[in-house]
């Protein structure tokens, strides 16, 4: 049976109960795995829609004669990396493969203002040329927001609670090896809500009325 709710996922407790009610089970293993279902749904959503809540900005320092820069612990991917010199001038580094940087700047003792960067490993960037002095580094990057599993409230839960619920139910029903018709129903509800979020994250938040004009539907 498909239950109907006006969903306002304002807290983990509320979401947990909704998942349990929809699934109609008190099986202990299922209940213990609800946080896993929710986190899997969050990750799926965040990898599908590029939202402002995924964007973070931090500053650090390039050290003299050190071509490596440590990434933040929550770093997923990079939007931009810039060097800021003593005058406040920004130089945005061009992303290249590590092999390119090794070939273009083979001698690490040759220094200058960095122009390129590469992802050396999961914790480190490498730049070329090697910094000739200490510079400020400004990194704009993607990071997952705190999960509703550990937070009292989240932007996703407050604004797109239905999407988070149906995403969690999709994972939960897969775990239950549920019937194909119900799986298809949950998938359809999830995709319907995801389309609404994409209108915000990949649509409305990437335009403004001055440059793009107000959104409108043609009159027939």
N, C-alpha and C. Protein backbone atom coordinates (compact mmCIF):
# COMPACT_ATOMS: atom_id res chain seq x y z
N UNK A 1 0.84 -1.19 0.00
CA UNK A 1 0.00 0.00 0.00
C UNK A 1 0.87 1.24 0.00
N UNK A 2 0.56 2.22 -0.83
CA UNK A 2 1.32 3.47 -0.89
C UNK A 2 0.63 4.50 -0.03
N UNK A 3 1.26 4.90 1.07
CA UNK A 3 0.69 5.89 1.97
C UNK A 3 0.91 7.28 1.42
N UNK A 4 0.07 8.22 1.79
CA UNK A 4 0.16 9.59 1.31
C UNK A 4 0.40 10.52 2.48
N UNK A 5 1.42 11.36 2.39
CA UNK A 5 1.77 12.31 3.43
C UNK A 5 2.01 13.68 2.83
N UNK A 6 1.74 14.69 3.60
CA UNK A 6 2.29 16.01 3.29
C UNK A 6 3.64 16.05 3.98
N UNK A 7 4.68 15.98 3.22
CA UNK A 7 6.00 15.73 3.79
C UNK A 7 6.71 17.01 4.15
N UNK A 8 7.16 17.08 5.38
CA UNK A 8 8.04 18.15 5.82
C UNK A 8 9.15 17.51 6.63
N UNK A 9 10.20 17.11 5.96
CA UNK A 9 11.27 16.37 6.63
C UNK A 9 12.16 17.36 7.35
N UNK A 10 11.72 17.80 8.50
CA UNK A 10 12.47 18.81 9.24
C UNK A 10 13.45 18.23 10.24
N UNK A 11 13.41 16.89 10.43
CA UNK A 11 14.31 16.28 11.41
C UNK A 11 14.53 14.83 11.04
N UNK A 12 15.63 14.24 11.49
CA UNK A 12 15.86 12.82 11.24
C UNK A 12 14.74 11.95 11.79
N UNK A 13 14.24 12.28 12.98
CA UNK A 13 13.20 11.46 13.59
C UNK A 13 11.97 11.39 12.70
N UNK A 14 11.59 12.53 12.15
CA UNK A 14 10.44 12.58 11.26
C UNK A 14 10.68 11.72 10.02
N UNK A 15 11.84 11.86 9.41
CA UNK A 15 12.16 11.10 8.21
C UNK A 15 12.23 9.61 8.49
N UNK A 16 12.85 9.23 9.58
CA UNK A 16 12.96 7.82 9.95
C UNK A 16 11.55 7.21 10.04
N UNK A 17 10.64 7.92 10.68
CA UNK A 17 9.29 7.41 10.88
C UNK A 17 8.55 7.28 9.56
N UNK A 18 8.74 8.25 8.66
CA UNK A 18 8.10 8.18 7.36
C UNK A 18 8.57 6.97 6.56
N UNK A 19 9.89 6.74 6.56
CA UNK A 19 10.43 5.58 5.84
C UNK A 19 9.87 4.29 6.42
N UNK A 20 9.81 4.22 7.73
CA UNK A 20 9.27 3.02 8.38
C UNK A 20 7.80 2.83 8.04
N UNK A 21 7.03 3.93 8.05
CA UNK A 21 5.60 3.83 7.75
C UNK A 21 5.34 3.40 6.32
N UNK A 22 6.08 3.98 5.39
CA UNK A 22 5.92 3.60 3.99
C UNK A 22 6.30 2.14 3.78
N UNK A 23 7.38 1.71 4.41
CA UNK A 23 7.87 0.34 4.23
C UNK A 23 7.04 -0.68 4.99
N UNK A 24 6.28 -0.20 5.98
CA UNK A 24 5.40 -1.04 6.78
C UNK A 24 6.15 -2.23 7.39
N UNK A 25 7.23 -1.93 8.09
CA UNK A 25 8.00 -2.98 8.73
C UNK A 25 8.65 -2.46 10.01
N UNK A 26 8.78 -3.36 10.98
CA UNK A 26 9.51 -3.08 12.21
C UNK A 26 10.72 -3.99 12.34
N UNK A 27 11.11 -4.59 11.23
CA UNK A 27 12.23 -5.52 11.25
C UNK A 27 13.49 -4.79 11.71
N UNK A 28 14.18 -5.29 12.75
CA UNK A 28 15.30 -4.56 13.36
C UNK A 28 16.42 -4.20 12.40
N UNK A 29 16.79 -5.12 11.51
CA UNK A 29 17.87 -4.82 10.58
C UNK A 29 17.49 -3.68 9.65
N UNK A 30 16.25 -3.69 9.18
CA UNK A 30 15.77 -2.62 8.31
C UNK A 30 15.82 -1.28 9.04
N UNK A 31 15.33 -1.25 10.27
CA UNK A 31 15.31 0.01 11.03
C UNK A 31 16.72 0.52 11.26
N UNK A 32 17.65 -0.38 11.53
CA UNK A 32 19.03 0.01 11.79
C UNK A 32 19.70 0.57 10.54
N UNK A 33 19.20 0.16 9.36
CA UNK A 33 19.82 0.58 8.11
C UNK A 33 19.18 1.83 7.50
N UNK A 34 18.15 2.37 8.12
CA UNK A 34 17.51 3.57 7.58
C UNK A 34 18.51 4.71 7.38
N UNK A 35 19.41 4.99 8.33
CA UNK A 35 20.40 6.05 8.07
C UNK A 35 21.23 5.81 6.81
N UNK A 36 21.55 4.55 6.52
CA UNK A 36 22.30 4.23 5.30
C UNK A 36 21.48 4.54 4.07
N UNK A 37 20.19 4.21 4.10
CA UNK A 37 19.30 4.52 2.97
C UNK A 37 19.25 6.03 2.73
N UNK A 38 19.16 6.79 3.81
CA UNK A 38 19.06 8.24 3.70
C UNK A 38 20.34 8.84 3.13
N UNK A 39 21.48 8.41 3.64
CA UNK A 39 22.75 8.94 3.16
C UNK A 39 23.00 8.56 1.69
N UNK A 40 22.59 7.37 1.30
CA UNK A 40 22.73 6.97 -0.10
C UNK A 40 21.87 7.86 -0.99
N UNK A 41 20.67 8.20 -0.51
CA UNK A 41 19.79 9.09 -1.27
C UNK A 41 20.39 10.48 -1.38
N UNK A 42 20.94 10.99 -0.29
CA UNK A 42 21.56 12.31 -0.32
C UNK A 42 22.70 12.36 -1.33
N UNK A 43 23.57 11.36 -1.30
CA UNK A 43 24.70 11.33 -2.23
C UNK A 43 24.22 11.29 -3.67
N UNK A 44 23.21 10.49 -3.94
CA UNK A 44 22.66 10.39 -5.30
C UNK A 44 22.13 11.75 -5.76
N UNK A 45 21.45 12.44 -4.88
CA UNK A 45 20.89 13.75 -5.22
C UNK A 45 22.01 14.76 -5.47
N UNK A 46 22.99 14.80 -4.57
CA UNK A 46 24.07 15.77 -4.69
C UNK A 46 24.94 15.53 -5.91
N UNK A 47 24.98 14.29 -6.38
CA UNK A 47 25.77 14.00 -7.58
C UNK A 47 24.96 14.22 -8.86
N UNK A 48 23.68 14.50 -8.72
CA UNK A 48 22.81 14.73 -9.88
C UNK A 48 22.55 16.21 -10.13
N UNK A 49 22.44 16.99 -9.05
CA UNK A 49 22.12 18.41 -9.18
C UNK A 49 23.22 19.23 -8.50
N UNK A 50 23.72 20.24 -9.21
CA UNK A 50 24.79 21.10 -8.68
C UNK A 50 24.15 22.26 -7.93
N UNK A 51 24.12 22.17 -6.62
CA UNK A 51 23.45 23.16 -5.77
C UNK A 51 24.45 24.08 -5.09
N UNK A 52 24.06 25.31 -4.79
CA UNK A 52 24.96 26.20 -4.06
C UNK A 52 25.40 25.65 -2.70
N UNK A 53 24.56 24.82 -2.08
CA UNK A 53 24.94 24.26 -0.78
C UNK A 53 26.12 23.30 -0.88
N UNK A 54 26.48 22.91 -2.11
CA UNK A 54 27.63 22.04 -2.30
C UNK A 54 28.94 22.82 -2.45
N UNK A 55 28.84 24.14 -2.56
CA UNK A 55 30.01 24.96 -2.85
C UNK A 55 30.61 25.55 -1.57
N UNK A 56 31.91 25.41 -1.45
CA UNK A 56 32.62 25.99 -0.31
C UNK A 56 33.83 26.76 -0.80
N UNK A 57 34.29 27.68 0.03
CA UNK A 57 35.45 28.49 -0.31
C UNK A 57 36.38 28.57 0.89
N UNK A 58 37.65 28.28 0.67
CA UNK A 58 38.64 28.37 1.75
C UNK A 58 39.90 29.04 1.23
N UNK A 59 40.66 29.61 2.12
CA UNK A 59 41.97 30.16 1.78
C UNK A 59 43.05 29.43 2.55
N UNK A 60 44.20 29.35 1.95
CA UNK A 60 45.36 28.74 2.58
C UNK A 60 46.60 29.44 2.10
N UNK A 61 47.71 28.72 2.06
CA UNK A 61 48.96 29.35 1.64
C UNK A 61 49.82 28.41 0.81
N UNK A 62 50.34 28.93 -0.29
CA UNK A 62 51.42 28.28 -1.00
C UNK A 62 52.71 28.67 -0.30
N UNK A 63 53.53 27.69 0.01
CA UNK A 63 54.80 27.97 0.69
C UNK A 63 55.93 28.10 -0.33
N UNK A 64 56.89 28.94 0.00
CA UNK A 64 58.05 29.12 -0.86
C UNK A 64 58.75 27.78 -1.11
N UNK A 65 59.02 27.48 -2.40
CA UNK A 65 59.75 26.27 -2.82
C UNK A 65 59.01 24.97 -2.50
N UNK A 66 57.71 25.05 -2.26
CA UNK A 66 56.91 23.85 -2.00
C UNK A 66 55.80 23.78 -3.05
N UNK A 67 55.89 22.82 -3.94
CA UNK A 67 54.94 22.75 -5.05
C UNK A 67 53.65 22.00 -4.71
N UNK A 68 53.50 21.58 -3.45
CA UNK A 68 52.32 20.82 -3.05
C UNK A 68 51.41 21.67 -2.15
N UNK A 69 50.11 21.43 -2.27
CA UNK A 69 49.10 22.11 -1.47
C UNK A 69 48.10 21.08 -0.99
N UNK A 70 47.86 21.04 0.32
CA UNK A 70 46.94 20.06 0.90
C UNK A 70 45.49 20.46 0.65
N UNK A 71 44.67 19.50 0.26
CA UNK A 71 43.24 19.76 0.03
C UNK A 71 42.48 19.71 1.35
N UNK A 72 41.33 20.37 1.44
CA UNK A 72 40.49 20.25 2.64
C UNK A 72 40.03 18.80 2.81
N UNK A 73 39.73 18.43 4.02
CA UNK A 73 39.35 17.04 4.30
C UNK A 73 38.01 16.66 3.67
N UNK A 74 37.14 17.66 3.41
CA UNK A 74 35.83 17.36 2.82
C UNK A 74 35.80 17.63 1.31
N UNK A 75 36.96 17.84 0.71
CA UNK A 75 37.04 18.16 -0.72
C UNK A 75 36.56 16.99 -1.57
N UNK A 76 35.67 17.29 -2.54
CA UNK A 76 35.20 16.29 -3.50
C UNK A 76 35.76 16.59 -4.88
N UNK A 77 35.62 17.83 -5.32
CA UNK A 77 36.16 18.25 -6.61
C UNK A 77 36.36 19.75 -6.59
N UNK A 78 37.04 20.27 -7.60
CA UNK A 78 37.44 21.67 -7.61
C UNK A 78 36.64 22.48 -8.62
N UNK A 79 36.17 23.65 -8.19
CA UNK A 79 35.58 24.62 -9.11
C UNK A 79 36.67 25.58 -9.62
N UNK A 80 37.51 26.05 -8.71
CA UNK A 80 38.62 26.91 -9.12
C UNK A 80 39.68 26.95 -8.02
N UNK A 81 40.91 27.18 -8.45
CA UNK A 81 42.03 27.38 -7.54
C UNK A 81 42.79 28.60 -8.01
N UNK A 82 42.99 29.56 -7.11
CA UNK A 82 43.63 30.82 -7.49
C UNK A 82 44.81 31.12 -6.57
N UNK A 83 45.80 31.80 -7.15
CA UNK A 83 46.91 32.37 -6.38
C UNK A 83 46.63 33.86 -6.21
N UNK A 84 46.78 34.35 -4.99
CA UNK A 84 46.57 35.78 -4.71
C UNK A 84 47.91 36.35 -4.26
N UNK A 85 48.44 37.31 -5.03
CA UNK A 85 49.75 37.86 -4.67
C UNK A 85 49.61 38.98 -3.65
N UNK A 86 50.72 39.62 -3.32
CA UNK A 86 50.72 40.64 -2.28
C UNK A 86 49.91 41.87 -2.60
N UNK A 87 49.59 42.10 -3.87
CA UNK A 87 48.77 43.25 -4.26
C UNK A 87 47.29 42.92 -4.30
N UNK A 88 46.96 41.64 -4.01
CA UNK A 88 45.56 41.23 -4.06
C UNK A 88 45.10 40.78 -5.43
N UNK A 89 46.04 40.64 -6.38
CA UNK A 89 45.71 40.22 -7.74
C UNK A 89 45.51 38.70 -7.79
N UNK A 90 44.43 38.29 -8.40
CA UNK A 90 44.11 36.87 -8.53
C UNK A 90 44.67 36.32 -9.85
N UNK A 91 45.31 35.17 -9.76
CA UNK A 91 45.69 34.39 -10.94
C UNK A 91 45.05 33.03 -10.80
N UNK A 92 44.08 32.73 -11.67
CA UNK A 92 43.39 31.45 -11.59
C UNK A 92 44.21 30.39 -12.31
N UNK A 93 44.52 29.32 -11.61
CA UNK A 93 45.37 28.27 -12.15
C UNK A 93 44.57 27.38 -13.10
N UNK A 94 45.24 26.90 -14.13
CA UNK A 94 44.63 26.01 -15.12
C UNK A 94 44.85 24.57 -14.69
N UNK A 95 43.76 23.82 -14.68
CA UNK A 95 43.84 22.42 -14.27
C UNK A 95 44.48 21.57 -15.36
N UNK A 96 45.51 20.82 -14.97
CA UNK A 96 46.19 19.92 -15.89
C UNK A 96 46.47 18.59 -15.19
N UNK A 97 46.72 17.57 -16.01
CA UNK A 97 47.11 16.29 -15.46
C UNK A 97 48.49 16.41 -14.81
N UNK A 98 48.73 15.58 -13.80
CA UNK A 98 50.03 15.61 -13.12
C UNK A 98 51.17 15.37 -14.10
N UNK A 99 50.95 14.51 -15.08
CA UNK A 99 52.00 14.22 -16.06
C UNK A 99 52.38 15.48 -16.85
N UNK A 100 51.38 16.29 -17.16
CA UNK A 100 51.64 17.53 -17.87
C UNK A 100 52.52 18.45 -17.02
N UNK A 101 52.19 18.56 -15.74
CA UNK A 101 52.96 19.44 -14.86
C UNK A 101 54.39 18.94 -14.71
N UNK A 102 54.56 17.64 -14.62
CA UNK A 102 55.91 17.07 -14.51
C UNK A 102 56.74 17.39 -15.77
N UNK A 103 56.09 17.31 -16.93
CA UNK A 103 56.80 17.55 -18.17
C UNK A 103 57.04 19.04 -18.40
N UNK A 104 56.05 19.88 -18.08
CA UNK A 104 56.19 21.32 -18.32
C UNK A 104 57.14 21.97 -17.33
N UNK A 105 57.18 21.43 -16.12
CA UNK A 105 58.04 22.00 -15.07
C UNK A 105 58.91 20.88 -14.47
N UNK A 106 59.86 20.37 -15.26
CA UNK A 106 60.63 19.20 -14.81
C UNK A 106 61.58 19.49 -13.66
N UNK A 107 62.01 20.73 -13.53
CA UNK A 107 62.97 21.09 -12.48
C UNK A 107 62.23 21.82 -11.36
N UNK A 108 61.99 21.16 -10.23
CA UNK A 108 61.24 21.79 -9.13
C UNK A 108 61.96 22.97 -8.49
N UNK A 109 63.25 23.13 -8.80
CA UNK A 109 63.99 24.26 -8.22
C UNK A 109 63.79 25.54 -9.03
N UNK A 110 63.20 25.42 -10.20
CA UNK A 110 62.87 26.60 -11.00
C UNK A 110 61.53 27.12 -10.50
N UNK A 111 61.53 28.33 -9.94
CA UNK A 111 60.34 28.84 -9.25
C UNK A 111 59.71 30.01 -9.99
N UNK A 112 58.50 30.34 -9.58
CA UNK A 112 57.78 31.46 -10.16
C UNK A 112 56.36 31.49 -9.64
N UNK A 113 55.53 32.31 -10.24
CA UNK A 113 54.12 32.37 -9.88
C UNK A 113 53.42 31.15 -10.47
N UNK A 114 52.79 30.30 -9.66
CA UNK A 114 52.12 29.11 -10.20
C UNK A 114 51.10 29.47 -11.27
N UNK A 115 51.05 28.62 -12.30
CA UNK A 115 50.13 28.82 -13.42
C UNK A 115 49.20 27.62 -13.63
N UNK A 116 49.63 26.45 -13.24
CA UNK A 116 48.86 25.23 -13.45
C UNK A 116 48.79 24.43 -12.14
N UNK A 117 47.75 23.62 -12.04
CA UNK A 117 47.67 22.70 -10.90
C UNK A 117 47.10 21.37 -11.37
N UNK A 118 47.42 20.35 -10.62
CA UNK A 118 46.88 19.02 -10.90
C UNK A 118 46.53 18.33 -9.59
N UNK A 119 45.66 17.34 -9.68
CA UNK A 119 45.29 16.55 -8.51
C UNK A 119 46.34 15.45 -8.35
N UNK A 120 47.22 15.63 -7.38
CA UNK A 120 48.32 14.68 -7.17
C UNK A 120 47.82 13.38 -6.55
N UNK A 121 46.98 13.51 -5.50
CA UNK A 121 46.32 12.36 -4.90
C UNK A 121 45.08 12.87 -4.19
N UNK A 122 44.44 12.03 -3.38
CA UNK A 122 43.18 12.41 -2.75
C UNK A 122 43.34 13.50 -1.70
N UNK A 123 44.56 13.82 -1.34
CA UNK A 123 44.80 14.82 -0.29
C UNK A 123 45.64 16.00 -0.74
N UNK A 124 46.09 16.01 -2.02
CA UNK A 124 47.12 16.98 -2.39
C UNK A 124 46.96 17.46 -3.82
N UNK A 125 47.20 18.77 -4.01
CA UNK A 125 47.39 19.35 -5.34
C UNK A 125 48.89 19.52 -5.57
N UNK A 126 49.30 19.49 -6.83
CA UNK A 126 50.66 19.86 -7.20
C UNK A 126 50.55 21.00 -8.19
N UNK A 127 51.43 22.00 -8.07
CA UNK A 127 51.36 23.17 -8.94
C UNK A 127 52.66 23.35 -9.71
N UNK A 128 52.57 24.11 -10.77
CA UNK A 128 53.75 24.43 -11.55
C UNK A 128 53.65 25.85 -12.09
N UNK A 129 54.71 26.61 -12.07
CA UNK A 129 55.99 26.24 -11.46
C UNK A 129 55.92 26.24 -9.94
N UNK A 130 56.99 25.76 -9.31
CA UNK A 130 57.09 25.80 -7.85
C UNK A 130 57.02 27.25 -7.38
N UNK A 131 56.22 27.56 -6.35
CA UNK A 131 56.09 28.94 -5.88
C UNK A 131 57.43 29.56 -5.50
N UNK A 132 57.64 30.79 -5.95
CA UNK A 132 58.89 31.48 -5.64
C UNK A 132 58.81 32.27 -4.34
N UNK A 133 57.64 32.33 -3.77
CA UNK A 133 57.44 32.99 -2.48
C UNK A 133 56.13 32.49 -1.88
N UNK A 134 55.80 32.96 -0.70
CA UNK A 134 54.54 32.57 -0.08
C UNK A 134 53.39 33.34 -0.72
N UNK A 135 52.36 32.62 -1.17
CA UNK A 135 51.18 33.22 -1.76
C UNK A 135 49.93 32.73 -1.03
N UNK A 136 48.91 33.54 -1.05
CA UNK A 136 47.61 33.07 -0.57
C UNK A 136 46.99 32.19 -1.65
N UNK A 137 46.42 31.08 -1.25
CA UNK A 137 45.69 30.19 -2.15
C UNK A 137 44.21 30.27 -1.82
N UNK A 138 43.39 30.46 -2.83
CA UNK A 138 41.95 30.47 -2.62
C UNK A 138 41.32 29.34 -3.44
N UNK A 139 40.67 28.44 -2.74
CA UNK A 139 40.08 27.26 -3.37
C UNK A 139 38.57 27.32 -3.26
N UNK A 140 37.91 27.21 -4.41
CA UNK A 140 36.46 27.11 -4.46
C UNK A 140 36.17 25.67 -4.86
N UNK A 141 35.47 24.93 -4.00
CA UNK A 141 35.37 23.49 -4.23
C UNK A 141 34.01 22.91 -3.85
N UNK A 142 33.81 21.68 -4.28
CA UNK A 142 32.58 20.96 -3.97
C UNK A 142 32.80 20.10 -2.74
N UNK A 143 31.82 20.14 -1.83
CA UNK A 143 31.84 19.31 -0.63
C UNK A 143 30.41 18.96 -0.27
N UNK A 144 30.20 17.76 0.23
CA UNK A 144 28.85 17.38 0.63
C UNK A 144 28.46 18.10 1.92
N UNK A 145 27.24 18.63 1.98
CA UNK A 145 26.78 19.24 3.23
C UNK A 145 26.63 18.18 4.31
N UNK A 146 26.50 18.64 5.55
CA UNK A 146 26.28 17.70 6.65
C UNK A 146 24.99 16.95 6.39
N UNK A 147 24.99 15.65 6.66
CA UNK A 147 23.83 14.80 6.41
C UNK A 147 22.75 15.02 7.46
N UNK A 148 21.52 14.83 7.06
CA UNK A 148 20.42 14.90 8.02
C UNK A 148 20.53 13.78 9.06
N UNK A 149 21.32 12.77 8.74
CA UNK A 149 21.55 11.69 9.70
C UNK A 149 22.23 12.22 10.96
N UNK A 150 23.10 13.21 10.81
CA UNK A 150 23.83 13.74 11.96
C UNK A 150 23.42 15.15 12.33
N UNK A 151 22.68 15.83 11.46
CA UNK A 151 22.30 17.22 11.71
C UNK A 151 20.86 17.30 12.21
N UNK A 152 20.58 18.35 12.93
CA UNK A 152 19.21 18.58 13.40
C UNK A 152 18.30 18.94 12.24
N UNK A 153 18.83 19.70 11.29
CA UNK A 153 18.06 20.11 10.12
C UNK A 153 19.00 20.35 8.96
N UNK A 154 18.51 20.21 7.73
CA UNK A 154 19.32 20.47 6.55
C UNK A 154 18.49 21.22 5.51
N UNK A 155 19.20 21.87 4.58
CA UNK A 155 18.51 22.60 3.52
C UNK A 155 17.67 21.65 2.67
N UNK A 156 18.22 20.49 2.35
CA UNK A 156 17.50 19.53 1.51
C UNK A 156 16.25 19.03 2.21
N UNK A 157 16.36 18.71 3.49
CA UNK A 157 15.21 18.23 4.24
C UNK A 157 14.13 19.29 4.38
N UNK A 158 14.54 20.53 4.58
CA UNK A 158 13.57 21.60 4.77
C UNK A 158 12.87 22.00 3.47
N UNK A 159 13.60 21.97 2.35
CA UNK A 159 13.07 22.51 1.10
C UNK A 159 12.61 21.46 0.10
N UNK A 160 13.22 20.28 0.14
CA UNK A 160 12.83 19.22 -0.80
C UNK A 160 12.71 17.90 -0.03
N UNK A 161 11.86 17.94 0.99
CA UNK A 161 11.68 16.77 1.83
C UNK A 161 11.12 15.57 1.09
N UNK A 162 10.20 15.82 0.13
CA UNK A 162 9.64 14.71 -0.64
C UNK A 162 10.72 13.99 -1.44
N UNK A 163 11.61 14.75 -2.02
CA UNK A 163 12.70 14.15 -2.79
C UNK A 163 13.57 13.28 -1.91
N UNK A 164 13.94 13.78 -0.75
CA UNK A 164 14.78 13.01 0.16
C UNK A 164 14.05 11.75 0.62
N UNK A 165 12.76 11.89 0.91
CA UNK A 165 11.98 10.72 1.34
C UNK A 165 11.93 9.66 0.24
N UNK A 166 11.55 10.05 -0.98
CA UNK A 166 11.42 9.06 -2.05
C UNK A 166 12.78 8.48 -2.43
N UNK A 167 13.84 9.28 -2.30
CA UNK A 167 15.16 8.73 -2.53
C UNK A 167 15.52 7.67 -1.52
N UNK A 168 15.19 7.94 -0.24
CA UNK A 168 15.46 6.95 0.81
C UNK A 168 14.60 5.71 0.63
N UNK A 169 13.34 5.90 0.21
CA UNK A 169 12.46 4.75 -0.01
C UNK A 169 12.93 3.90 -1.18
N UNK A 170 13.48 4.56 -2.18
CA UNK A 170 14.03 3.83 -3.32
C UNK A 170 15.14 2.88 -2.85
N UNK A 171 16.03 3.41 -1.97
CA UNK A 171 17.11 2.58 -1.43
C UNK A 171 16.55 1.50 -0.51
N UNK A 172 15.56 1.87 0.30
CA UNK A 172 14.99 0.93 1.26
C UNK A 172 14.27 -0.21 0.55
N UNK A 173 13.52 0.11 -0.52
CA UNK A 173 12.78 -0.93 -1.21
C UNK A 173 13.71 -1.85 -1.98
N UNK A 174 14.84 -1.31 -2.43
CA UNK A 174 15.86 -2.17 -3.04
C UNK A 174 16.39 -3.16 -2.02
N UNK A 175 16.62 -2.67 -0.80
CA UNK A 175 17.09 -3.52 0.29
C UNK A 175 16.07 -4.61 0.59
N UNK A 176 14.79 -4.26 0.54
CA UNK A 176 13.73 -5.22 0.85
C UNK A 176 13.46 -6.19 -0.31
N UNK A 177 14.06 -5.92 -1.46
CA UNK A 177 13.80 -6.71 -2.67
C UNK A 177 12.31 -6.69 -2.96
N UNK A 178 11.78 -5.48 -2.98
CA UNK A 178 10.34 -5.30 -3.15
C UNK A 178 9.86 -5.59 -4.56
N UNK A 179 8.55 -5.56 -4.70
CA UNK A 179 7.92 -5.87 -5.98
C UNK A 179 8.27 -4.80 -7.02
N UNK A 180 8.36 -5.24 -8.27
CA UNK A 180 8.82 -4.36 -9.33
C UNK A 180 7.89 -3.17 -9.54
N UNK A 181 6.57 -3.37 -9.42
CA UNK A 181 5.65 -2.27 -9.67
C UNK A 181 5.77 -1.17 -8.62
N UNK A 182 6.01 -1.55 -7.36
CA UNK A 182 6.20 -0.56 -6.31
C UNK A 182 7.55 0.13 -6.45
N UNK A 183 8.56 -0.61 -6.87
CA UNK A 183 9.87 0.00 -7.11
C UNK A 183 9.76 1.05 -8.20
N UNK A 184 9.02 0.72 -9.26
CA UNK A 184 8.82 1.67 -10.35
C UNK A 184 8.06 2.89 -9.87
N UNK A 185 7.10 2.70 -8.97
CA UNK A 185 6.33 3.82 -8.43
C UNK A 185 7.23 4.76 -7.64
N UNK A 186 8.06 4.21 -6.76
CA UNK A 186 8.96 5.04 -5.98
C UNK A 186 9.98 5.75 -6.87
N UNK A 187 10.45 5.05 -7.90
CA UNK A 187 11.41 5.66 -8.81
C UNK A 187 10.77 6.83 -9.56
N UNK A 188 9.52 6.65 -9.97
CA UNK A 188 8.81 7.72 -10.68
C UNK A 188 8.59 8.93 -9.77
N UNK A 189 8.21 8.69 -8.53
CA UNK A 189 8.02 9.79 -7.59
C UNK A 189 9.34 10.51 -7.31
N UNK A 190 10.40 9.73 -7.19
CA UNK A 190 11.73 10.31 -6.96
C UNK A 190 12.13 11.20 -8.15
N UNK A 191 11.97 10.69 -9.37
CA UNK A 191 12.37 11.44 -10.55
C UNK A 191 11.51 12.69 -10.73
N UNK A 192 10.25 12.63 -10.35
CA UNK A 192 9.38 13.80 -10.43
C UNK A 192 9.87 14.91 -9.51
N UNK A 193 10.24 14.54 -8.28
CA UNK A 193 10.75 15.53 -7.34
C UNK A 193 12.15 16.01 -7.72
N UNK A 194 12.95 15.11 -8.30
CA UNK A 194 14.30 15.49 -8.73
C UNK A 194 14.22 16.54 -9.84
N UNK A 195 13.26 16.41 -10.72
CA UNK A 195 13.09 17.38 -11.79
C UNK A 195 12.80 18.77 -11.23
N UNK A 196 12.03 18.82 -10.15
CA UNK A 196 11.74 20.11 -9.51
C UNK A 196 13.01 20.73 -8.93
N UNK A 197 13.85 19.88 -8.31
CA UNK A 197 15.10 20.40 -7.75
C UNK A 197 16.03 20.86 -8.85
N UNK A 198 16.07 20.15 -9.98
CA UNK A 198 16.94 20.56 -11.08
C UNK A 198 16.51 21.90 -11.65
N UNK A 199 15.23 22.20 -11.60
CA UNK A 199 14.76 23.50 -12.06
C UNK A 199 15.35 24.61 -11.20
N UNK A 200 15.59 24.30 -9.93
CA UNK A 200 16.19 25.27 -9.02
C UNK A 200 17.71 25.28 -9.17
N UNK A 201 18.34 24.13 -8.95
CA UNK A 201 19.79 24.07 -8.92
C UNK A 201 20.45 24.29 -10.27
N UNK A 202 19.88 23.71 -11.32
CA UNK A 202 20.48 23.83 -12.66
C UNK A 202 19.74 24.84 -13.52
N UNK A 203 18.72 25.49 -12.94
CA UNK A 203 17.94 26.46 -13.70
C UNK A 203 17.89 27.82 -13.05
N UNK A 204 16.99 28.00 -12.09
CA UNK A 204 16.74 29.32 -11.50
C UNK A 204 17.97 29.92 -10.86
N UNK A 205 18.81 29.10 -10.23
CA UNK A 205 19.97 29.64 -9.53
C UNK A 205 21.12 29.96 -10.47
N UNK A 206 20.94 29.71 -11.76
CA UNK A 206 21.99 30.02 -12.75
C UNK A 206 21.56 31.15 -13.69
N UNK A 207 20.56 31.90 -13.29
CA UNK A 207 20.09 33.00 -14.12
C UNK A 207 19.66 34.15 -13.22
N UNK A 208 19.56 35.33 -13.80
CA UNK A 208 18.97 36.45 -13.08
C UNK A 208 18.08 37.21 -14.06
N UNK A 209 17.12 37.95 -13.50
CA UNK A 209 16.12 38.60 -14.34
C UNK A 209 16.73 39.69 -15.21
N UNK A 210 17.80 40.33 -14.73
CA UNK A 210 18.40 41.42 -15.49
C UNK A 210 19.04 40.92 -16.78
N UNK A 211 19.83 39.86 -16.69
CA UNK A 211 20.57 39.37 -17.86
C UNK A 211 19.75 38.37 -18.69
N UNK A 212 18.95 37.55 -18.04
CA UNK A 212 18.25 36.48 -18.74
C UNK A 212 16.77 36.77 -18.98
N UNK A 213 16.24 37.78 -18.29
CA UNK A 213 14.81 38.03 -18.37
C UNK A 213 14.06 37.08 -17.45
N UNK A 214 12.84 37.43 -17.12
CA UNK A 214 12.06 36.57 -16.25
C UNK A 214 11.61 35.33 -17.01
N UNK A 215 11.61 34.20 -16.30
CA UNK A 215 11.15 32.96 -16.91
C UNK A 215 9.69 33.09 -17.30
N UNK A 216 9.35 32.57 -18.46
CA UNK A 216 7.96 32.69 -18.89
C UNK A 216 7.57 31.48 -19.74
N UNK A 217 6.28 31.22 -19.78
CA UNK A 217 5.71 30.15 -20.58
C UNK A 217 4.99 30.80 -21.76
N UNK A 218 5.27 30.37 -22.98
CA UNK A 218 4.60 30.98 -24.14
C UNK A 218 3.08 30.88 -24.05
N UNK A 219 2.41 31.95 -24.44
CA UNK A 219 0.95 31.97 -24.44
C UNK A 219 0.46 31.40 -25.77
N UNK A 220 -0.46 30.46 -25.68
CA UNK A 220 -1.00 29.83 -26.90
C UNK A 220 -2.11 30.69 -27.51
